[in-house]
């Protein structure tokens, strides 16, 4: 049985057939809310990230931003900030999962980040939104409880962590064998250098690079299947910004 407390912890008691439990059988679990951009990220958090963090003692669950939570999507910063602040006042930890690609310019640091090299863009935005939220929360707020994450440059960058796995999921939708698909995806990856470097222009963002090879690709349907097949460890190994975020969550 789980019992939530006001301080953001959850006490979980194991089944004990009516016997009295010792202190060792009662453990504290941190609660982490992940404000996810859309249904793809929501599924990823629910099916992969939450299971991984649960082993480490953190209960994580995703929510979509804004009032119409069934649809998700990138909101204006004022709307997203309201969700973040409300979450931090109700729970202990909050993180985000939004694509850098398509992020509105009213988000702190977004416009200025365009002048930076690719691997500095998302960290710059994260630092800016962290500062903005912490100012709203006030001087007594412990800044460690908000862990912003902006995906470079789009969720599908994670799919390029293993082009063979990506091809194995999508080849039934294509008119050529998996080996040829993998070669096409590998060429895209080689051009960029690494998955998170695949850029954020309209025609060359990660999702449209996949669509250019397999036109039947659908983000919500196939994206989480691909990342599940790849696994967190390979994505961590090949996507440095994602790895840094995952490490922060593991330390909660």
C-alpha atoms as a PDB file:
ATOM      1  CA  UNK A   1       0.000   0.000   0.000  1.00  0.00           C
ATOM      2  CA  UNK A   2       1.308   3.480  -0.908  1.00  0.00           C
ATOM      3  CA  UNK A   3       0.631   6.601   1.102  1.00  0.00           C
ATOM      4  CA  UNK A   4       1.527  10.062  -0.207  1.00  0.00           C
ATOM      5  CA  UNK A   5       2.817  12.682   2.193  1.00  0.00           C
ATOM      6  CA  UNK A   6       2.861  16.442   1.983  1.00  0.00           C
ATOM      7  CA  UNK A   7       6.618  16.637   1.493  1.00  0.00           C
ATOM      8  CA  UNK A   8       6.541  14.921  -1.896  1.00  0.00           C
ATOM      9  CA  UNK A   9       7.644  11.490  -0.707  1.00  0.00           C
ATOM     10  CA  UNK A  10       5.610   8.324  -0.961  1.00  0.00           C
ATOM     11  CA  UNK A  11       5.789   5.628   1.695  1.00  0.00           C
ATOM     12  CA  UNK A  12       5.363   2.149   0.232  1.00  0.00           C
ATOM     13  CA  UNK A  13       4.565  -0.802   2.455  1.00  0.00           C
ATOM     14  CA  UNK A  14       5.008  -4.290   1.098  1.00  0.00           C
ATOM     15  CA  UNK A  15       2.376  -6.979   1.432  1.00  0.00           C
ATOM     16  CA  UNK A  16       2.907  -8.698   4.788  1.00  0.00           C
ATOM     17  CA  UNK A  17      -0.089 -10.975   5.434  1.00  0.00           C
ATOM     18  CA  UNK A  18      -1.143  -8.956   8.455  1.00  0.00           C
ATOM     19  CA  UNK A  19       2.157  -9.196  10.324  1.00  0.00           C
ATOM     20  CA  UNK A  20       3.902  -6.191  11.893  1.00  0.00           C
ATOM     21  CA  UNK A  21       6.610  -4.730   9.637  1.00  0.00           C
ATOM     22  CA  UNK A  22      10.073  -3.683  10.669  1.00  0.00           C
ATOM     23  CA  UNK A  23      11.539  -0.306   9.723  1.00  0.00           C
ATOM     24  CA  UNK A  24      13.599  -1.992   7.019  1.00  0.00           C
ATOM     25  CA  UNK A  25      10.409  -2.965   5.214  1.00  0.00           C
ATOM     26  CA  UNK A  26       9.244   0.618   4.859  1.00  0.00           C
ATOM     27  CA  UNK A  27      11.022   2.630   2.199  1.00  0.00           C
ATOM     28  CA  UNK A  28      10.699   6.157   0.894  1.00  0.00           C
ATOM     29  CA  UNK A  29      10.132   6.774  -2.805  1.00  0.00           C
ATOM     30  CA  UNK A  30      10.649  10.109  -4.538  1.00  0.00           C
ATOM     31  CA  UNK A  31       7.963  11.376  -6.877  1.00  0.00           C
ATOM     32  CA  UNK A  32       8.956  12.899 -10.220  1.00  0.00           C
ATOM     33  CA  UNK A  33       6.534  14.565 -12.622  1.00  0.00           C
ATOM     34  CA  UNK A  34       7.717  14.744 -16.238  1.00  0.00           C
ATOM     35  CA  UNK A  35       5.983  17.477 -18.223  1.00  0.00           C
ATOM     36  CA  UNK A  36       6.176  15.954 -21.697  1.00  0.00           C
ATOM     37  CA  UNK A  37       5.669  17.775 -24.975  1.00  0.00           C
ATOM     38  CA  UNK A  38       3.317  15.261 -26.564  1.00  0.00           C
ATOM     39  CA  UNK A  39       2.011  11.729 -26.679  1.00  0.00           C
ATOM     40  CA  UNK A  40       5.276  10.322 -28.048  1.00  0.00           C
ATOM     41  CA  UNK A  41       7.269  11.627 -25.108  1.00  0.00           C
ATOM     42  CA  UNK A  42       4.467  10.642 -22.756  1.00  0.00           C
ATOM     43  CA  UNK A  43       4.668   7.035 -23.938  1.00  0.00           C
ATOM     44  CA  UNK A  44       8.465   7.039 -23.707  1.00  0.00           C
ATOM     45  CA  UNK A  45       8.380   8.259 -20.118  1.00  0.00           C
ATOM     46  CA  UNK A  46       5.634   5.855 -19.095  1.00  0.00           C
ATOM     47  CA  UNK A  47       7.040   2.733 -20.763  1.00  0.00           C
ATOM     48  CA  UNK A  48      10.816   3.222 -20.532  1.00  0.00           C
ATOM     49  CA  UNK A  49      12.000   6.006 -18.289  1.00  0.00           C
ATOM     50  CA  UNK A  50       9.601   5.338 -15.411  1.00  0.00           C
ATOM     51  CA  UNK A  51      10.471   1.644 -15.298  1.00  0.00           C
ATOM     52  CA  UNK A  52      14.178   2.453 -15.151  1.00  0.00           C
ATOM     53  CA  UNK A  53      13.820   5.046 -12.395  1.00  0.00           C
ATOM     54  CA  UNK A  54      11.503   2.839 -10.348  1.00  0.00           C
ATOM     55  CA  UNK A  55      14.386   0.433  -9.808  1.00  0.00           C
ATOM     56  CA  UNK A  56      16.318   3.331  -8.271  1.00  0.00           C
ATOM     57  CA  UNK A  57      13.486   4.358  -5.953  1.00  0.00           C
ATOM     58  CA  UNK A  58      11.829   7.132  -7.956  1.00  0.00           C
ATOM     59  CA  UNK A  59       8.217   7.000  -9.094  1.00  0.00           C
ATOM     60  CA  UNK A  60       7.919   8.985 -12.324  1.00  0.00           C
ATOM     61  CA  UNK A  61       4.912   9.729 -14.453  1.00  0.00           C
ATOM     62  CA  UNK A  62       4.295  12.003 -17.455  1.00  0.00           C
ATOM     63  CA  UNK A  63       1.745  14.767 -17.895  1.00  0.00           C
ATOM     64  CA  UNK A  64       1.007  16.820 -20.994  1.00  0.00           C
ATOM     65  CA  UNK A  65       1.166  20.616 -20.764  1.00  0.00           C
ATOM     66  CA  UNK A  66      -1.732  23.043 -20.783  1.00  0.00           C
ATOM     67  CA  UNK A  67      -5.416  22.629 -20.117  1.00  0.00           C
ATOM     68  CA  UNK A  68      -6.095  20.293 -23.040  1.00  0.00           C
ATOM     69  CA  UNK A  69      -3.732  17.621 -21.819  1.00  0.00           C
ATOM     70  CA  UNK A  70      -4.917  14.973 -24.259  1.00  0.00           C
ATOM     71  CA  UNK A  71      -3.264  16.792 -27.141  1.00  0.00           C
ATOM     72  CA  UNK A  72       0.002  18.105 -25.733  1.00  0.00           C
ATOM     73  CA  UNK A  73       2.213  20.198 -27.992  1.00  0.00           C
ATOM     74  CA  UNK A  74       4.655  23.010 -27.317  1.00  0.00           C
ATOM     75  CA  UNK A  75       2.902  25.808 -25.473  1.00  0.00           C
ATOM     76  CA  UNK A  76       3.779  29.424 -24.938  1.00  0.00           C
ATOM     77  CA  UNK A  77       6.285  29.776 -22.125  1.00  0.00           C
ATOM     78  CA  UNK A  78       3.747  31.394 -19.825  1.00  0.00           C
ATOM     79  CA  UNK A  79       1.521  28.303 -20.073  1.00  0.00           C
ATOM     80  CA  UNK A  80       4.399  25.859 -19.651  1.00  0.00           C
ATOM     81  CA  UNK A  81       5.762  27.810 -16.688  1.00  0.00           C
ATOM     82  CA  UNK A  82       2.382  27.694 -14.969  1.00  0.00           C
ATOM     83  CA  UNK A  83       2.396  23.897 -15.263  1.00  0.00           C
ATOM     84  CA  UNK A  84       5.943  23.655 -13.937  1.00  0.00           C
ATOM     85  CA  UNK A  85       5.340  25.979 -10.995  1.00  0.00           C
ATOM     86  CA  UNK A  86       2.094  24.270 -10.065  1.00  0.00           C
ATOM     87  CA  UNK A  87       3.821  20.892 -10.165  1.00  0.00           C
ATOM     88  CA  UNK A  88       6.714  22.064  -7.992  1.00  0.00           C
ATOM     89  CA  UNK A  89       4.288  23.393  -5.410  1.00  0.00           C
ATOM     90  CA  UNK A  90       2.422  20.084  -5.290  1.00  0.00           C
ATOM     91  CA  UNK A  91       5.271  17.577  -5.663  1.00  0.00           C
ATOM     92  CA  UNK A  92       8.954  17.424  -4.903  1.00  0.00           C
ATOM     93  CA  UNK A  93      10.629  16.952  -8.278  1.00  0.00           C
ATOM     94  CA  UNK A  94       9.716  18.138 -11.755  1.00  0.00           C
ATOM     95  CA  UNK A  95      11.471  17.728 -15.087  1.00  0.00           C
ATOM     96  CA  UNK A  96      10.530  18.500 -18.682  1.00  0.00           C
ATOM     97  CA  UNK A  97      10.880  16.790 -22.048  1.00  0.00           C
ATOM     98  CA  UNK A  98      10.436  19.213 -24.946  1.00  0.00           C
ATOM     99  CA  UNK A  99      12.076  19.233 -28.370  1.00  0.00           C
ATOM    100  CA  UNK A 100      14.444  22.085 -29.119  1.00  0.00           C
ATOM    101  CA  UNK A 101      13.075  21.998 -32.652  1.00  0.00           C
ATOM    102  CA  UNK A 102       9.846  23.997 -32.767  1.00  0.00           C
ATOM    103  CA  UNK A 103      10.313  25.542 -29.332  1.00  0.00           C
ATOM    104  CA  UNK A 104       8.721  29.030 -29.411  1.00  0.00           C
ATOM    105  CA  UNK A 105      10.955  32.069 -29.192  1.00  0.00           C
ATOM    106  CA  UNK A 106       9.166  33.282 -26.067  1.00  0.00           C
ATOM    107  CA  UNK A 107      10.830  30.491 -24.078  1.00  0.00           C
ATOM    108  CA  UNK A 108      13.762  31.885 -22.069  1.00  0.00           C
ATOM    109  CA  UNK A 109      17.026  31.607 -23.970  1.00  0.00           C
ATOM    110  CA  UNK A 110      15.483  30.209 -27.155  1.00  0.00           C
ATOM    111  CA  UNK A 111      16.104  33.134 -29.493  1.00  0.00           C
ATOM    112  CA  UNK A 112      19.654  33.719 -28.255  1.00  0.00           C
ATOM    113  CA  UNK A 113      20.505  30.019 -28.541  1.00  0.00           C
ATOM    114  CA  UNK A 114      20.417  30.176 -32.345  1.00  0.00           C
ATOM    115  CA  UNK A 115      23.791  31.909 -32.316  1.00  0.00           C
ATOM    116  CA  UNK A 116      25.425  29.044 -30.421  1.00  0.00           C
ATOM    117  CA  UNK A 117      26.987  25.859 -31.752  1.00  0.00           C
ATOM    118  CA  UNK A 118      24.557  22.943 -31.850  1.00  0.00           C
ATOM    119  CA  UNK A 119      25.554  21.215 -28.594  1.00  0.00           C
ATOM    120  CA  UNK A 120      25.264  24.440 -26.559  1.00  0.00           C
ATOM    121  CA  UNK A 121      21.717  25.314 -27.653  1.00  0.00           C
ATOM    122  CA  UNK A 122      19.595  23.086 -25.437  1.00  0.00           C
ATOM    123  CA  UNK A 123      21.775  23.573 -22.322  1.00  0.00           C
ATOM    124  CA  UNK A 124      21.497  27.339 -22.813  1.00  0.00           C
ATOM    125  CA  UNK A 125      17.692  27.147 -22.911  1.00  0.00           C
ATOM    126  CA  UNK A 126      17.621  24.804 -19.917  1.00  0.00           C
ATOM    127  CA  UNK A 127      19.701  27.205 -17.843  1.00  0.00           C
ATOM    128  CA  UNK A 128      17.457  30.113 -18.802  1.00  0.00           C
ATOM    129  CA  UNK A 129      14.178  28.372 -18.003  1.00  0.00           C
ATOM    130  CA  UNK A 130      15.612  27.020 -14.756  1.00  0.00           C
ATOM    131  CA  UNK A 131      16.482  30.546 -13.663  1.00  0.00           C
ATOM    132  CA  UNK A 132      13.083  31.870 -14.707  1.00  0.00           C
ATOM    133  CA  UNK A 133      11.168  29.199 -12.799  1.00  0.00           C
ATOM    134  CA  UNK A 134      13.336  29.512  -9.695  1.00  0.00           C
ATOM    135  CA  UNK A 135      12.705  33.246  -9.573  1.00  0.00           C
ATOM    136  CA  UNK A 136       8.960  32.629  -9.625  1.00  0.00           C
ATOM    137  CA  UNK A 137       9.263  29.975  -6.909  1.00  0.00           C
ATOM    138  CA  UNK A 138      11.023  32.414  -4.588  1.00  0.00           C
ATOM    139  CA  UNK A 139      14.192  32.523  -2.543  1.00  0.00           C
ATOM    140  CA  UNK A 140      13.322  29.604  -0.273  1.00  0.00           C
ATOM    141  CA  UNK A 141      12.889  27.187  -3.175  1.00  0.00           C
ATOM    142  CA  UNK A 142      15.536  24.460  -3.411  1.00  0.00           C
ATOM    143  CA  UNK A 143      16.651  24.675  -7.041  1.00  0.00           C
ATOM    144  CA  UNK A 144      17.617  21.016  -7.260  1.00  0.00           C
ATOM    145  CA  UNK A 145      13.954  20.003  -7.446  1.00  0.00           C
ATOM    146  CA  UNK A 146      13.503  21.427 -10.947  1.00  0.00           C
ATOM    147  CA  UNK A 147      15.479  19.562 -13.624  1.00  0.00           C
ATOM    148  CA  UNK A 148      14.702  21.062 -17.053  1.00  0.00           C
ATOM    149  CA  UNK A 149      15.412  19.017 -20.169  1.00  0.00           C
ATOM    150  CA  UNK A 150      15.221  20.114 -23.797  1.00  0.00           C
ATOM    151  CA  UNK A 151      15.845  17.376 -26.360  1.00  0.00           C
ATOM    152  CA  UNK A 152      18.464  18.044 -29.038  1.00  0.00           C
ATOM    153  CA  UNK A 153      17.038  18.600 -31.586  1.00  0.00           C
ATOM    154  CA  UNK A 154      13.975  16.400 -31.591  1.00  0.00           C
ATOM    155  CA  UNK A 155      12.770  13.152 -30.018  1.00  0.00           C
ATOM    156  CA  UNK A 156      13.749  11.221 -33.150  1.00  0.00           C
ATOM    157  CA  UNK A 157      17.411  11.979 -32.522  1.00  0.00           C
ATOM    158  CA  UNK A 158      17.236   9.143 -29.999  1.00  0.00           C
ATOM    159  CA  UNK A 159      16.086   6.821 -32.787  1.00  0.00           C
ATOM    160  CA  UNK A 160      19.345   7.478 -34.640  1.00  0.00           C
ATOM    161  CA  UNK A 161      21.300   6.048 -31.705  1.00  0.00           C
ATOM    162  CA  UNK A 162      20.925   2.669 -33.420  1.00  0.00           C
ATOM    163  CA  UNK A 163      20.112   2.863 -37.120  1.00  0.00           C
ATOM    164  CA  UNK A 164      19.791  -0.902 -37.433  1.00  0.00           C
ATOM    165  CA  UNK A 165      17.119  -0.980 -34.732  1.00  0.00           C
ATOM    166  CA  UNK A 166      15.382   1.951 -36.414  1.00  0.00           C
ATOM    167  CA  UNK A 167      15.411   0.097 -39.723  1.00  0.00           C
ATOM    168  CA  UNK A 168      14.184  -3.134 -38.148  1.00  0.00           C
ATOM    169  CA  UNK A 169      11.053  -1.384 -36.868  1.00  0.00           C
ATOM    170  CA  UNK A 170      10.285   0.532 -40.051  1.00  0.00           C
ATOM    171  CA  UNK A 171      11.152  -1.908 -42.833  1.00  0.00           C
ATOM    172  CA  UNK A 172       7.641  -3.469 -42.931  1.00  0.00           C
ATOM    173  CA  UNK A 173       6.410   0.004 -43.942  1.00  0.00           C
ATOM    174  CA  UNK A 174       8.992   0.459 -46.688  1.00  0.00           C
ATOM    175  CA  UNK A 175       9.558  -0.871 -50.192  1.00  0.00           C
ATOM    176  CA  UNK A 176      13.114  -2.020 -49.539  1.00  0.00           C
ATOM    177  CA  UNK A 177      14.830  -4.373 -47.098  1.00  0.00           C
ATOM    178  CA  UNK A 178      16.014  -3.417 -43.628  1.00  0.00           C
ATOM    179  CA  UNK A 179      19.667  -3.453 -44.695  1.00  0.00           C
ATOM    180  CA  UNK A 180      19.069  -0.717 -47.258  1.00  0.00           C
ATOM    181  CA  UNK A 181      17.069   1.333 -44.782  1.00  0.00           C
ATOM    182  CA  UNK A 182      19.849   1.030 -42.213  1.00  0.00           C
ATOM    183  CA  UNK A 183      22.366   2.213 -44.812  1.00  0.00           C
ATOM    184  CA  UNK A 184      20.200   5.239 -45.626  1.00  0.00           C
ATOM    185  CA  UNK A 185      19.836   6.131 -41.959  1.00  0.00           C
ATOM    186  CA  UNK A 186      23.567   5.586 -41.402  1.00  0.00           C
ATOM    187  CA  UNK A 187      24.348   8.061 -44.189  1.00  0.00           C
ATOM    188  CA  UNK A 188      22.223  10.692 -42.426  1.00  0.00           C
ATOM    189  CA  UNK A 189      23.980   9.969 -39.147  1.00  0.00           C
ATOM    190  CA  UNK A 190      27.432  10.086 -40.739  1.00  0.00           C
ATOM    191  CA  UNK A 191      26.648  13.460 -42.269  1.00  0.00           C
ATOM    192  CA  UNK A 192      25.679  14.913 -38.883  1.00  0.00           C
ATOM    193  CA  UNK A 193      28.369  13.130 -36.877  1.00  0.00           C
ATOM    194  CA  UNK A 194      26.137  12.014 -34.005  1.00  0.00           C
ATOM    195  CA  UNK A 195      22.401  11.642 -33.322  1.00  0.00           C
ATOM    196  CA  UNK A 196      21.878  14.860 -31.373  1.00  0.00           C
ATOM    197  CA  UNK A 197      23.666  16.891 -34.064  1.00  0.00           C
ATOM    198  CA  UNK A 198      20.982  16.180 -36.672  1.00  0.00           C
ATOM    199  CA  UNK A 199      19.725  19.727 -36.973  1.00  0.00           C
ATOM    200  CA  UNK A 200      16.532  21.674 -36.467  1.00  0.00           C
ATOM    201  CA  UNK A 201      15.792  23.077 -39.918  1.00  0.00           C
ATOM    202  CA  UNK A 202      12.361  22.323 -41.323  1.00  0.00           C
ATOM    203  CA  UNK A 203      13.506  19.842 -43.969  1.00  0.00           C
ATOM    204  CA  UNK A 204      16.419  18.354 -42.027  1.00  0.00           C
ATOM    205  CA  UNK A 205      15.103  17.863 -38.494  1.00  0.00           C
ATOM    206  CA  UNK A 206      15.329  14.219 -37.347  1.00  0.00           C
ATOM    207  CA  UNK A 207      11.662  13.328 -37.906  1.00  0.00           C
ATOM    208  CA  UNK A 208      11.676  14.583 -41.494  1.00  0.00           C
ATOM    209  CA  UNK A 209      14.949  12.816 -42.192  1.00  0.00           C
ATOM    210  CA  UNK A 210      13.197   9.589 -41.205  1.00  0.00           C
ATOM    211  CA  UNK A 211      10.156  10.512 -43.310  1.00  0.00           C
ATOM    212  CA  UNK A 212      12.458  11.075 -46.254  1.00  0.00           C
ATOM    213  CA  UNK A 213      13.453   7.416 -46.066  1.00  0.00           C
ATOM    214  CA  UNK A 214      10.162   5.872 -44.876  1.00  0.00           C
ATOM    215  CA  UNK A 215       7.188   8.077 -45.707  1.00  0.00           C
ATOM    216  CA  UNK A 216       4.812   5.923 -43.622  1.00  0.00           C
ATOM    217  CA  UNK A 217       6.670   6.716 -40.393  1.00  0.00           C
ATOM    218  CA  UNK A 218       4.390   8.109 -37.704  1.00  0.00           C
ATOM    219  CA  UNK A 219       5.976   9.671 -34.639  1.00  0.00           C
ATOM    220  CA  UNK A 220       3.363   8.704 -32.049  1.00  0.00           C
ATOM    221  CA  UNK A 221       3.075   5.132 -33.292  1.00  0.00           C
ATOM    222  CA  UNK A 222       6.618   4.200 -34.227  1.00  0.00           C
ATOM    223  CA  UNK A 223       8.834   6.544 -32.191  1.00  0.00           C
ATOM    224  CA  UNK A 224       8.359   4.819 -28.816  1.00  0.00           C
ATOM    225  CA  UNK A 225       8.642   1.387 -30.433  1.00  0.00           C
ATOM    226  CA  UNK A 226      12.024   2.322 -31.875  1.00  0.00           C
ATOM    227  CA  UNK A 227      13.426   3.763 -28.647  1.00  0.00           C
ATOM    228  CA  UNK A 228      12.171   0.765 -26.699  1.00  0.00           C
ATOM    229  CA  UNK A 229      13.975  -1.559 -29.079  1.00  0.00           C
ATOM    230  CA  UNK A 230      17.171   0.471 -28.816  1.00  0.00           C
ATOM    231  CA  UNK A 231      17.114   0.718 -25.025  1.00  0.00           C
ATOM    232  CA  UNK A 232      18.209   3.428 -22.625  1.00  0.00           C
ATOM    233  CA  UNK A 233      21.814   2.281 -22.333  1.00  0.00           C
ATOM    234  CA  UNK A 234      22.588   2.602 -26.043  1.00  0.00           C
ATOM    235  CA  UNK A 235      20.823   5.968 -26.192  1.00  0.00           C
ATOM    236  CA  UNK A 236      22.810   7.075 -23.164  1.00  0.00           C
ATOM    237  CA  UNK A 237      26.064   5.948 -24.773  1.00  0.00           C
ATOM    238  CA  UNK A 238      25.477   7.755 -28.065  1.00  0.00           C
ATOM    239  CA  UNK A 239      23.473  10.826 -27.027  1.00  0.00           C
ATOM    240  CA  UNK A 240      25.497  12.908 -24.596  1.00  0.00           C
ATOM    241  CA  UNK A 241      22.896  15.512 -23.703  1.00  0.00           C
ATOM    242  CA  UNK A 242      20.295  12.822 -23.078  1.00  0.00           C
ATOM    243  CA  UNK A 243      22.841  10.939 -20.961  1.00  0.00           C
ATOM    244  CA  UNK A 244      23.460  13.986 -18.769  1.00  0.00           C
ATOM    245  CA  UNK A 245      19.728  14.332 -18.123  1.00  0.00           C
ATOM    246  CA  UNK A 246      19.307  10.659 -17.326  1.00  0.00           C
ATOM    247  CA  UNK A 247      22.191  10.837 -14.857  1.00  0.00           C
ATOM    248  CA  UNK A 248      20.551  13.755 -13.047  1.00  0.00           C
ATOM    249  CA  UNK A 249      17.307  11.812 -12.724  1.00  0.00           C
ATOM    250  CA  UNK A 250      19.143   8.750 -11.461  1.00  0.00           C
ATOM    251  CA  UNK A 251      20.684  10.841  -8.666  1.00  0.00           C
ATOM    252  CA  UNK A 252      17.318  11.956  -7.283  1.00  0.00           C
END
